[in-house]
Protein backbone atom coordinates (compact mmCIF):
# COMPACT_ATOMS: atom_id res chain seq x y z
CA UNK A 1 19.04 14.57 16.06
CA UNK A 2 18.09 18.27 16.77
CA UNK A 3 16.67 18.33 19.99
CA UNK A 4 19.85 16.39 21.12
CA UNK A 5 22.14 18.59 19.92
CA UNK A 6 19.60 21.37 21.72
CA UNK A 7 19.98 19.86 24.93
CA UNK A 8 23.72 19.02 25.15
CA UNK A 9 24.74 22.20 23.34
CA UNK A 10 26.29 20.40 20.63
CA UNK A 11 26.12 20.97 16.30
CA UNK A 12 23.75 18.54 14.93
CA UNK A 13 26.59 17.31 12.46
CA UNK A 14 28.70 16.24 15.71
CA UNK A 15 25.28 14.50 17.26
CA UNK A 16 25.14 12.62 13.69
CA UNK A 17 28.90 11.60 13.67
CA UNK A 18 28.34 9.82 17.28
CA UNK A 19 24.82 8.51 16.22
CA UNK A 20 26.93 7.39 12.95
CA UNK A 21 29.98 5.36 14.74
CA UNK A 22 27.57 3.69 17.35
CA UNK A 23 25.62 2.20 14.12
CA UNK A 24 29.03 1.22 12.46
CA UNK A 25 29.95 -0.44 15.87
CA UNK A 26 26.65 -1.96 16.23
CA UNK A 27 25.85 -3.51 13.13
CA UNK A 28 27.37 -6.71 11.81
CA UNK A 29 29.80 -6.75 9.29
CA UNK A 30 28.45 -6.78 5.80
CA UNK A 31 28.44 -10.45 4.62
CA UNK A 32 28.69 -12.14 7.78
CA UNK A 33 25.26 -14.08 6.94
CA UNK A 34 24.03 -17.61 7.56
CA UNK A 35 21.17 -16.71 5.15
CA UNK A 36 19.97 -19.18 2.39
CA UNK A 37 17.37 -17.27 1.15
CA UNK A 38 18.14 -13.03 -0.45
CA UNK A 39 16.07 -11.04 -1.64
CA UNK A 40 17.64 -8.39 -4.03
CA UNK A 41 14.87 -5.17 -3.94
CA UNK A 42 15.53 -1.48 -5.32
CA UNK A 43 14.63 1.35 -3.85
CA UNK A 44 14.66 4.94 -4.13
CA UNK A 45 17.33 7.25 -3.24
CA UNK A 46 16.42 10.23 -4.76
CA UNK A 47 14.10 11.91 -7.33
CA UNK A 48 14.81 11.49 -11.58
CA UNK A 49 15.96 7.75 -10.91
CA UNK A 50 18.34 7.00 -8.39
CA UNK A 51 18.41 3.81 -6.67
CA UNK A 52 19.75 1.81 -4.89
CA UNK A 53 19.77 -2.07 -4.03
CA UNK A 54 19.04 -3.42 -0.94
CA UNK A 55 19.85 -7.46 0.00
CA UNK A 56 17.87 -9.00 2.16
CA UNK A 57 17.75 -12.67 4.24
CA UNK A 58 14.18 -13.59 3.56
CA UNK A 59 13.75 -15.79 6.67
CA UNK A 60 15.12 -13.66 9.39
CA UNK A 61 13.83 -10.57 7.22
CA UNK A 62 17.00 -8.64 7.79
CA UNK A 63 18.57 -6.14 5.50
CA UNK A 64 22.11 -7.42 5.22
CA UNK A 65 23.64 -4.49 2.13
CA UNK A 66 22.57 -1.37 0.76
CA UNK A 67 24.37 -0.44 -2.27
CA UNK A 68 24.57 3.32 -3.81
CA UNK A 69 23.13 2.06 -7.24
CA UNK A 70 21.72 -1.40 -8.72
CA UNK A 71 24.42 -1.91 -10.68
CA UNK A 72 25.85 -5.60 -11.32
CA UNK A 73 29.78 -3.98 -9.43
CA UNK A 74 27.50 -2.85 -6.83
CA UNK A 75 25.69 -6.42 -6.18
CA UNK A 76 29.06 -8.57 -6.91
CA UNK A 77 30.47 -6.52 -4.25
CA UNK A 78 28.45 -7.30 -1.64
CA UNK A 79 28.50 -11.14 -2.59
CA UNK A 80 32.64 -11.23 -2.26
CA UNK A 81 32.21 -9.58 1.22
CA UNK A 82 30.30 -12.79 2.20
CA UNK A 83 33.16 -15.09 0.23
CA UNK A 84 32.65 -18.43 -1.48
CA UNK A 85 31.55 -20.51 1.16
CA UNK A 86 28.44 -18.56 2.18
CA UNK A 87 27.51 -17.33 -1.38
CA UNK A 88 27.62 -21.32 -2.00
CA UNK A 89 25.43 -22.22 0.83
CA UNK A 90 23.00 -19.79 -1.21
CA UNK A 91 19.43 -22.00 -2.43
CA UNK A 92 17.44 -19.23 -4.13
CA UNK A 93 17.55 -15.51 -4.49
CA UNK A 94 14.28 -13.37 -4.95
CA UNK A 95 14.19 -10.27 -7.23
CA UNK A 96 12.88 -8.40 -10.34
CA UNK A 97 14.28 -9.07 -13.41
CA UNK A 98 16.69 -6.29 -13.92
CA UNK A 99 19.64 -8.23 -15.69
CA UNK A 100 21.97 -6.45 -13.56
CA UNK A 101 21.17 -8.25 -10.72
CA UNK A 102 21.06 -10.90 -12.21
CA UNK A 103 24.70 -10.99 -13.31
CA UNK A 104 25.85 -10.74 -10.58
CA UNK A 105 23.88 -14.03 -8.85
CA UNK A 106 24.22 -16.28 -11.18
CA UNK A 107 28.75 -15.44 -11.14
CA UNK A 108 28.40 -15.85 -7.10
CA UNK A 109 25.90 -17.92 -6.24
CA UNK A 110 26.06 -21.00 -8.80
CA UNK A 111 23.81 -22.78 -6.67
CA UNK A 112 21.21 -20.71 -6.16
CA UNK A 113 17.26 -21.03 -8.07
CA UNK A 114 16.63 -17.13 -9.24
CA UNK A 115 13.16 -16.28 -8.62
CA UNK A 116 11.46 -13.30 -9.93
CA UNK A 117 9.25 -11.33 -8.16
CA UNK A 118 5.51 -11.17 -9.12
CA UNK A 119 4.87 -7.50 -8.17
CA UNK A 120 7.17 -5.37 -10.34
CA UNK A 121 5.95 -7.83 -13.47
CA UNK A 122 2.02 -6.85 -12.94
CA UNK A 123 3.09 -3.57 -12.21
CA UNK A 124 4.83 -3.58 -16.03
CA UNK A 125 2.33 -4.52 -17.78
CA UNK A 126 0.01 -1.66 -16.89
CA UNK A 127 2.41 0.61 -19.03
CA UNK A 128 4.11 -1.52 -21.34
CA UNK A 129 0.74 -3.05 -22.31
CA UNK A 130 -2.52 -1.63 -21.10
CA UNK A 131 -1.24 1.99 -21.65
CA UNK A 132 0.02 1.93 -24.96
CA UNK A 133 -2.98 0.11 -26.40
CA UNK A 134 -5.91 2.91 -24.62
CA UNK A 135 -3.31 5.53 -26.56
CA UNK A 136 -3.60 3.86 -29.84
CA UNK A 137 -7.44 3.07 -29.23
CA UNK A 138 -8.00 6.66 -28.20
CA UNK A 139 -6.34 7.34 -31.74
CA UNK A 140 -8.78 5.62 -33.78
CA UNK A 141 -11.90 6.32 -31.14
CA UNK A 142 -14.82 8.74 -32.17
CA UNK A 143 -17.28 10.80 -30.42
CA UNK A 144 -18.92 8.82 -27.12
CA UNK A 145 -15.70 6.08 -27.29
CA UNK A 146 -12.97 8.86 -27.82
CA UNK A 147 -14.38 10.73 -24.81
CA UNK A 148 -14.73 7.68 -22.54
CA UNK A 149 -11.71 6.39 -23.34
CA UNK A 150 -9.96 9.29 -22.79
CA UNK A 151 -10.39 9.78 -19.08
CA UNK A 152 -9.89 5.55 -18.34
CA UNK A 153 -6.28 6.02 -17.54
CA UNK A 154 -6.37 4.92 -14.01
CA UNK A 155 -9.65 3.20 -14.45
CA UNK A 156 -7.90 0.37 -16.42
CA UNK A 157 -4.98 0.55 -13.97
CA UNK A 158 -6.65 -0.16 -10.93
CA UNK A 159 -7.05 -3.88 -9.80
CA UNK A 160 -10.74 -4.92 -9.43
CA UNK A 161 -11.39 -4.70 -5.78
CA UNK A 162 -9.88 -1.29 -5.35
CA UNK A 163 -12.47 0.06 -8.24
CA UNK A 164 -14.37 3.43 -5.80
CA UNK A 165 -17.96 2.35 -5.43
CA UNK A 166 -19.02 5.49 -4.39
CA UNK A 167 -17.48 6.55 -7.80
CA UNK A 168 -19.65 3.71 -9.49
CA UNK A 169 -16.26 2.78 -11.21
CA UNK A 170 -17.13 -0.67 -11.72
CA UNK A 171 -19.74 0.54 -14.28
CA UNK A 172 -17.95 2.60 -15.91
CA UNK A 173 -14.61 -0.20 -16.10
CA UNK A 174 -17.63 -2.45 -17.33
CA UNK A 175 -19.10 0.54 -19.80
CA UNK A 176 -15.12 1.18 -21.28
CA UNK A 177 -14.56 -2.96 -21.94
CA UNK A 178 -18.24 -3.36 -23.75
CA UNK A 179 -16.72 -0.26 -26.09
CA UNK A 180 -13.87 -1.52 -27.14
CA UNK A 181 -12.47 -5.63 -27.37
CA UNK A 182 -9.61 -4.84 -27.83
CA UNK A 183 -9.23 -2.57 -23.95
CA UNK A 184 -11.47 -5.84 -22.95
CA UNK A 185 -8.95 -8.68 -24.25
CA UNK A 186 -5.43 -6.58 -22.33
CA UNK A 187 -7.74 -5.80 -19.52
CA UNK A 188 -8.85 -9.65 -18.82
CA UNK A 189 -5.15 -10.99 -19.49
CA UNK A 190 -3.77 -9.01 -16.56
CA UNK A 191 -6.06 -10.13 -14.14
CA UNK A 192 -5.74 -13.63 -15.39
CA UNK A 193 -1.95 -13.39 -15.28
CA UNK A 194 -2.14 -13.23 -11.50
CA UNK A 195 -3.34 -16.36 -11.25
CA UNK A 196 0.20 -17.55 -12.19
CA UNK A 197 1.52 -17.30 -8.91
CA UNK A 198 -0.77 -19.31 -7.02
CA UNK A 199 0.21 -22.97 -8.34
CA UNK A 200 2.14 -24.54 -6.31
CA UNK A 201 2.96 -27.51 -8.77
CA UNK A 202 5.64 -26.78 -11.37
CA UNK A 203 4.20 -28.69 -13.49
CA UNK A 204 0.41 -27.19 -13.44
CA UNK A 205 1.99 -23.67 -13.63
CA UNK A 206 3.77 -23.87 -16.64
CA UNK A 207 0.85 -26.00 -18.26
CA UNK A 208 -1.12 -22.71 -17.11
CA UNK A 209 1.30 -20.39 -18.73
CA UNK A 210 1.38 -22.10 -21.80
CA UNK A 211 -2.28 -21.59 -22.52
CA UNK A 212 -1.65 -17.78 -21.15
CA UNK A 213 0.94 -17.33 -23.73
CA UNK A 214 -0.78 -18.80 -26.73
CA UNK A 215 -3.80 -15.86 -25.83
CA UNK A 216 -1.91 -13.32 -25.52
CA UNK A 217 0.26 -14.19 -29.19
CA UNK A 218 -2.86 -14.74 -31.06
CA UNK A 219 -4.28 -11.97 -30.14
CA UNK A 220 -2.95 -9.56 -32.80
CA UNK A 221 -2.31 -7.09 -29.94
CA UNK A 222 1.89 -6.28 -30.58
CA UNK A 223 2.54 -4.45 -27.01
CA UNK A 224 0.92 -7.70 -25.61
CA UNK A 225 2.72 -9.95 -27.84
CA UNK A 226 5.96 -8.13 -26.66
CA UNK A 227 4.85 -8.94 -23.29
CA UNK A 228 4.10 -11.74 -23.66
CA UNK A 229 7.32 -12.89 -25.29
CA UNK A 230 9.58 -11.57 -22.12
CA UNK A 231 7.44 -13.41 -20.21
CA UNK A 232 8.43 -16.95 -21.87
CA UNK A 233 12.33 -15.31 -21.77
CA UNK A 234 11.97 -14.97 -18.11
CA UNK A 235 10.03 -18.28 -17.01
CA UNK A 236 12.30 -20.20 -15.32
CA UNK A 237 12.42 -17.80 -12.80
CA UNK A 238 8.86 -16.92 -12.88
CA UNK A 239 7.99 -20.69 -12.12
CA UNK A 240 10.80 -20.73 -9.71
CA UNK A 241 7.96 -19.81 -7.14
CA UNK A 242 6.33 -23.25 -7.47
CA UNK A 243 9.30 -24.39 -5.15
CA UNK A 244 10.27 -21.50 -2.72
CA UNK A 245 6.67 -19.50 -2.05
CA UNK A 246 8.25 -16.04 -1.19
CA UNK A 247 5.93 -13.64 -0.88
CA UNK A 248 6.24 -9.78 -2.10
CA UNK A 249 4.55 -8.46 0.51
CA UNK A 250 7.90 -8.67 2.87
CA UNK A 251 9.55 -7.41 0.29
CA UNK A 252 7.20 -3.98 -0.38
CA UNK A 253 6.28 -3.93 3.02
CA UNK A 254 10.40 -3.57 3.66
CA UNK A 255 10.52 -0.90 0.59
CA UNK A 256 7.52 1.30 2.84
CA UNK A 257 9.09 0.95 5.60
CA UNK A 258 12.57 3.19 3.90
CA UNK A 259 10.24 5.72 2.54
CA UNK A 260 9.24 6.21 6.41
CA UNK A 261 13.05 6.74 7.38
CA UNK A 262 13.60 9.20 4.52
CA UNK A 263 10.65 10.88 4.95
CA UNK A 264 11.15 11.39 9.11
CA UNK A 265 14.56 12.53 8.34
CA UNK A 266 13.02 15.29 5.20
CA UNK A 267 16.28 13.35 3.70
CA UNK A 268 20.32 12.50 4.14
CA UNK A 269 22.47 14.07 3.31
CA UNK A 270 25.08 11.46 4.56
CA UNK A 271 24.38 8.43 1.84
CA UNK A 272 26.77 6.17 4.30
CA UNK A 273 24.42 7.32 7.25
CA UNK A 274 21.15 6.47 5.49
CA UNK A 275 22.26 2.90 4.84
CA UNK A 276 23.36 2.32 8.29
CA UNK A 277 19.90 3.35 9.61
CA UNK A 278 18.49 0.90 7.04
CA UNK A 279 20.36 -1.87 7.98
CA UNK A 280 19.63 -0.69 11.46
CA UNK A 281 16.17 -0.13 11.42
CA UNK A 282 15.43 -4.25 10.20
CA UNK A 283 18.36 -5.75 12.15
């Protein structure tokens, strides 16, 4: 905008308004879609936990709608613009376990199966379980063990394939897990949880989850027990991936591209224009 404004001797705000009007004219109306499978993904608008919501056609990989927050009303507004007939045609909606998204979807898309995205589930295991247990163990530990646990936060959060060979992180992790049995238990169960999303049969996935849940409950580690109970309450949406195996890389790719759009522009003063730019990038 800056260079176009300079070339035509206009103010950059005038160029922005021209582009904004062009985007509004070019993009299809919100809700005008023949999508059968949707995803609801949150993205960061500003720092300090200010989030927006995108609704995505999973087959066409198009952003259909961008909402200014992640409330139930925001997503419901999109479904209302789609209309009853289009909402009834939706077969499945992938999302995280944010209750506002689930409530709006259940209310407006009665035939849709809810699928919980594995990425935020595995991500939440780290602060909710690993971090809590590590802090508790650090308080109780003495001497060498305390020093090893104290500096292990990022080591425990990393996946095994991401451990740095040059820094000998694999050996450090093995030493840490050997020194502390409780940390070993929570770390192993985190890696085992990923196995759940490899199943294609709902019956086998359910059987595997029952075994994982039993191990978590009998571990006598309270944060892990709380996390396991939370997963059990959302089991139907977690196991729905067997029937609708949508890959989360699509959702993460869209989120990363939104970050790039925001970074290139050094932020947006006009949120409506920002949302139009997001829809244009995936149209």
